[in-house]
Protein backbone atom coordinates (compact mmCIF):
# COMPACT_ATOMS: atom_id res chain seq x y z
CA MET A 1 0.16 0.08 -0.16
CA ARG A 2 1.26 3.09 -0.97
CA PRO A 3 1.97 5.69 2.02
CA THR A 4 -0.67 8.25 2.60
CA LEU A 5 -0.32 11.81 4.08
CA SER A 6 -3.70 13.18 4.84
CA PHE A 7 -3.33 16.83 5.62
CA HIS A 8 -4.34 20.13 6.39
CA LEU A 9 -3.38 24.08 7.22
CA GLN A 10 -4.43 26.96 8.94
CA THR A 11 -3.28 30.38 6.92
CA ILE A 12 -4.14 33.99 7.71
CA PRO A 13 -3.82 37.48 5.80
CA ASN A 14 0.24 38.02 4.89
CA VAL A 15 0.35 41.35 6.25
CA PRO A 16 3.98 42.27 5.24
CA ALA A 17 2.85 41.18 1.41
CA ILE A 18 -0.44 43.21 1.73
CA ARG A 19 1.73 46.40 3.04
CA GLN A 20 4.12 45.64 -0.04
CA LEU A 21 1.49 45.24 -3.07
CA TYR A 22 -1.10 47.66 -2.29
CA GLN A 23 1.50 50.27 -0.71
CA LEU A 24 0.05 50.40 2.79
CA ASP A 25 1.73 52.85 5.41
CA GLY A 26 3.98 51.14 8.04
CA GLU A 27 1.82 53.06 10.80
CA ILE A 28 -1.65 51.36 9.94
CA GLY A 29 -1.66 48.44 12.23
CA GLU A 30 -1.60 44.72 11.25
CA ALA A 31 -5.53 44.29 11.98
CA ASP A 32 -6.17 47.10 10.11
CA VAL A 33 -4.23 46.02 7.09
CA ALA A 34 -5.93 42.59 7.46
CA ASP A 35 -9.36 43.97 7.75
CA PHE A 36 -8.63 46.16 4.42
CA VAL A 37 -7.92 43.19 2.50
CA LEU A 38 -10.73 40.78 3.55
CA GLN A 39 -12.99 44.13 2.87
CA ARG A 40 -11.62 44.04 -0.79
CA CYS A 41 -12.08 40.11 -1.04
CA ARG A 42 -15.89 40.65 -0.25
CA ALA A 43 -15.89 43.61 -2.37
CA GLN A 44 -14.96 41.65 -5.57
CA SER A 45 -15.87 38.33 -4.62
CA GLY A 46 -18.93 38.20 -1.44
CA THR A 47 -16.48 35.63 0.37
CA ASP A 48 -13.82 36.02 2.85
CA PHE A 49 -11.17 34.13 0.78
CA ILE A 50 -7.98 35.90 -0.10
CA PRO A 51 -5.91 35.32 -3.05
CA PHE A 52 -3.47 32.33 -2.81
CA HIS A 53 -0.49 34.55 -2.85
CA LEU A 54 -1.76 36.47 0.04
CA HIS A 55 -1.89 33.88 2.39
CA HIS A 56 0.94 33.25 5.43
CA VAL A 57 0.95 29.69 6.72
CA VAL A 58 0.82 29.24 10.23
CA ALA A 59 -0.03 25.39 11.14
CA ILE A 60 0.30 22.36 9.69
CA ALA A 61 -0.67 18.89 10.28
CA GLY A 62 -1.10 15.42 8.86
CA VAL A 63 -1.23 11.67 9.77
CA LEU A 64 1.21 9.69 8.12
CA GLN A 65 0.19 6.07 6.93
CA GLN A 66 3.38 4.53 6.15
CA ASP A 67 4.23 0.68 6.36
CA GLY A 68 1.69 -0.46 8.21
CA GLN A 69 2.19 2.40 11.29
CA THR A 70 0.36 5.82 11.58
CA ARG A 71 2.29 8.87 12.70
CA LEU A 72 0.76 12.51 13.35
CA VAL A 73 2.92 15.15 11.74
CA GLN A 74 2.77 18.86 13.42
CA GLY A 75 4.11 21.87 12.44
CA LEU A 76 3.39 25.26 14.01
CA ALA A 77 4.71 28.63 13.01
CA ALA A 78 4.19 31.00 16.22
CA ASP A 79 6.00 34.29 13.90
CA ALA A 80 6.25 34.95 10.68
CA GLY A 81 9.88 33.75 11.05
CA ASP A 82 9.07 30.59 11.17
CA GLU A 83 6.92 29.58 8.30
CA ALA A 84 9.71 28.92 5.92
CA ALA A 85 11.51 26.50 8.29
CA MET A 86 8.00 24.87 8.89
CA LEU A 87 7.39 24.31 5.18
CA ALA A 88 10.84 23.18 4.60
CA ASP A 89 10.52 20.64 7.00
CA TRP A 90 7.16 19.80 5.48
CA LEU A 91 8.41 19.18 2.19
CA SER A 92 11.25 17.42 3.11
CA LEU A 93 8.69 15.23 4.62
CA LEU A 94 6.92 14.87 1.47
CA ARG A 95 10.30 13.96 -0.40
CA ASP A 96 11.47 11.22 2.14
CA SER A 97 7.75 9.04 2.27
CA ARG A 98 6.94 10.14 -0.99
CA ALA A 99 3.34 9.58 0.25
CA ARG A 100 -0.14 10.49 -1.44
CA LEU A 101 -1.45 13.91 -0.55
CA VAL A 102 -4.79 13.74 1.02
CA SER A 103 -6.67 16.69 1.45
CA TRP A 104 -10.65 17.44 2.06
CA ASP A 105 -10.35 20.37 -0.59
CA GLY A 106 -6.81 20.52 -1.34
CA ALA A 107 -7.15 21.74 -4.79
CA ARG A 108 -8.74 24.89 -4.35
CA LEU A 109 -6.90 25.91 -1.20
CA GLU A 110 -4.02 23.55 0.42
CA LEU A 111 -1.72 23.00 -2.73
CA PRO A 112 -1.84 26.39 -4.77
CA VAL A 113 -0.94 27.59 -1.53
CA LEU A 114 1.94 25.89 -0.43
CA ARG A 115 3.11 26.40 -4.31
CA HIS A 116 3.08 29.81 -4.21
CA ARG A 117 4.48 30.23 -0.57
CA ALA A 118 7.30 27.80 -1.60
CA LEU A 119 8.02 29.89 -4.90
CA VAL A 120 8.19 33.40 -3.06
CA LEU A 121 10.19 31.56 -0.16
CA GLY A 122 12.50 30.10 -2.53
CA LEU A 123 11.83 26.36 -1.06
CA PRO A 124 12.31 23.77 -3.74
CA LEU A 125 9.02 21.85 -4.47
CA ALA A 126 8.34 17.81 -3.33
CA GLU A 127 7.72 16.03 -6.74
CA GLN A 128 3.81 15.63 -5.47
CA LEU A 129 3.45 19.25 -5.52
CA ARG A 130 5.37 19.78 -8.72
CA ALA A 131 3.54 20.40 -12.38
CA GLY A 132 2.47 17.45 -14.22
CA ALA A 133 2.75 15.26 -11.08
CA ASP A 134 1.13 12.47 -11.48
CA SER A 135 -3.07 12.45 -10.47
CA SER A 136 -2.47 9.87 -8.04
CA SER A 137 -0.07 11.58 -5.96
CA GLN A 138 -2.53 14.50 -4.85
CA VAL A 139 -6.38 13.46 -4.08
CA SER A 140 -8.71 16.33 -2.71
CA LEU A 141 -11.74 13.96 -1.14
CA SER A 142 -14.20 16.88 -1.66
CA GLU A 143 -13.70 16.86 -5.24
CA ILE A 144 -13.92 13.39 -5.81
CA LEU A 145 -16.99 13.22 -3.93
CA SER A 146 -19.09 16.01 -5.67
CA GLY A 147 -17.95 14.87 -8.95
CA GLY A 148 -15.94 17.94 -9.28
CA HIS A 149 -18.93 20.33 -8.66
CA ALA A 150 -16.96 22.70 -6.41
CA GLU A 151 -20.03 24.67 -5.43
CA LEU A 152 -22.03 21.82 -4.49
CA ALA A 153 -19.07 20.36 -2.16
CA THR A 154 -20.05 19.31 1.45
CA PRO A 155 -18.48 20.59 4.57
CA GLN A 156 -15.63 18.02 5.73
CA GLY A 157 -17.14 17.75 9.40
CA GLU A 158 -20.74 17.59 8.58
CA LEU A 159 -20.08 14.22 6.30
CA ALA A 160 -17.99 12.99 8.98
CA ARG A 161 -20.60 13.05 11.59
CA LEU A 162 -22.76 11.63 9.00
CA CYS A 163 -20.44 8.72 9.00
CA GLY A 164 -19.86 8.11 12.89
CA LEU A 165 -16.73 10.11 12.80
CA PRO A 166 -15.18 13.25 14.58
CA GLY A 167 -15.96 16.69 12.65
CA GLU A 168 -16.41 20.03 13.47
CA ALA A 169 -16.69 23.17 11.46
CA GLU A 170 -14.10 24.83 9.69
CA LEU A 171 -12.67 28.01 11.15
CA ASN A 172 -13.22 31.10 8.42
CA GLY A 173 -10.61 33.76 7.76
CA PRO A 174 -12.04 36.19 10.03
CA ARG A 175 -11.99 33.68 13.14
CA ARG A 176 -9.02 32.44 12.16
CA TRP A 177 -7.23 35.93 12.54
CA GLU A 178 -8.98 36.89 15.43
CA LEU A 179 -7.18 34.01 17.28
CA TYR A 180 -4.00 34.51 15.63
CA ARG A 181 -4.38 38.29 16.91
CA ALA A 182 -5.07 37.15 20.57
CA GLY A 183 -2.01 35.22 20.75
CA ASP A 184 -3.80 31.92 20.25
CA VAL A 185 -1.99 30.22 17.58
CA GLY A 186 -2.02 27.48 19.50
CA ALA A 187 -5.75 26.54 19.31
CA LEU A 188 -5.35 26.92 15.60
CA ALA A 189 -2.87 24.64 15.65
CA GLU A 190 -5.01 21.80 18.00
CA HIS A 191 -7.84 22.77 15.07
CA ASN A 192 -5.92 22.09 12.75
CA ALA A 193 -4.56 18.68 13.34
CA ARG A 194 -8.18 17.52 14.52
CA GLN A 195 -9.12 18.45 10.54
CA ALA A 196 -6.33 16.47 9.38
CA ALA A 197 -7.19 13.46 11.64
CA SER A 198 -10.80 13.61 10.85
CA CYS A 199 -9.72 13.83 6.92
CA HIS A 200 -7.64 10.99 7.08
CA LEU A 201 -10.65 8.79 8.48
CA LEU A 202 -12.93 9.95 5.67
CA TRP A 203 -10.23 8.55 3.34
CA LEU A 204 -10.06 5.39 5.00
CA ARG A 205 -14.02 4.98 5.05
CA GLN A 206 -13.77 6.08 0.63
CA GLN A 207 -11.21 3.76 -0.02
CA TRP A 208 -13.12 1.19 1.92
CA VAL A 209 -16.93 1.48 0.18
CA GLU A 210 -14.70 1.75 -2.97
CA GLY A 211 -13.16 -1.49 -2.37
CA ALA A 212 -9.19 -0.31 -2.37
CA LEU A 213 -9.68 -1.48 1.37
CA ASP A 214 -10.87 -4.61 3.16
CA SER A 215 -13.09 -4.63 5.87
CA GLY A 216 -10.16 -5.71 8.27
CA ALA A 217 -7.54 -3.41 6.41
CA HIS A 218 -9.92 -0.76 7.15
CA GLN A 219 -10.26 -1.63 10.66
CA ALA A 220 -6.43 -2.11 11.49
CA CYS A 221 -6.08 1.40 10.27
CA ARG A 222 -8.53 3.06 11.96
CA GLN A 223 -7.95 1.65 14.96
CA GLY A 224 -4.07 2.43 14.52
CA LEU A 225 -5.08 6.37 14.39
CA ARG A 226 -6.82 5.82 17.39
CA ALA A 227 -3.76 4.26 19.37
CA VAL A 228 -1.80 7.19 18.56
CA VAL A 229 -4.22 9.48 19.22
CA ALA A 230 -4.89 8.36 22.91
CA THR A 231 -1.08 8.76 23.62
CA GLN A 232 -1.27 12.21 22.63
CA PRO A 233 -1.01 14.22 25.87
CA GLU A 234 -2.96 17.03 24.93
CA PRO A 235 -6.87 17.72 26.53
CA HIS A 236 -8.40 18.69 23.19
CA TRP A 237 -7.65 15.28 21.62
CA ARG A 238 -10.25 13.52 24.55
CA GLY A 239 -12.88 15.47 23.20
CA TRP A 240 -11.92 14.09 19.54
CA LEU A 241 -11.87 10.83 20.35
CA ALA A 242 -14.60 11.12 22.83
CA ASP A 243 -17.00 12.20 19.57
CA TRP A 244 -15.57 8.50 18.09
CA PRO A 245 -17.06 5.96 20.25
CA ALA A 246 -14.12 2.94 20.38
CA ASN A 247 -17.26 0.53 19.77
CA ALA A 248 -18.45 2.62 16.77
CA PRO A 249 -19.39 -0.02 13.71
CA GLN A 250 -17.37 0.57 10.36
CA GLY A 251 -21.08 1.04 8.82
CA ASP A 252 -22.19 3.62 11.14
């Protein structure tokens, strides 16, 4: 079975880039700079989604399934200076593991953001992210399940709960920025890690219903993740496990 890395990332507005591109005075506070670009996006598209080149990655997390083992991988950029080092470590993991990248909505967010940040920061891309990469190297579950109809895509948390799995609502752009400004970047990282873990469970389930995993392999992979999460000392994982009863059957 090819190694799989189910992942998720969290971003905030890239204040230095916004200042540079829109020639905003240095005396304008960070909150006002971020509000400027969010208001601009709302006026242009009616949403809070900012262009790929104006994102700053503050947290990245994943579940690596490799050689029958399950591993949680987490990265946190507590300040702007940490982003390049965090992403360099992540890209190195991709190169070393040669894992298939699995995300919920990566084609619309995670993958383009990673490519843009790698270009700006001068970080060599892993093969899975390069132009012309084998389509099996990158999987966006939402895109597969919606048949490519992005406008009809289901929220990950809602589908996870319907499948009897832990799931929570995604944090929107203003909420991520609010947490970051309040110095609670740890909450962003915790939410991000749980999203990656829930994405991995949905991926395993999708592989099971499509026949790529038999029932035994599906259950073994699920239990592997449960065992790893149960060893995590952070309290937020206990709530995640509580939403996924140990005796819940695969077909729930």
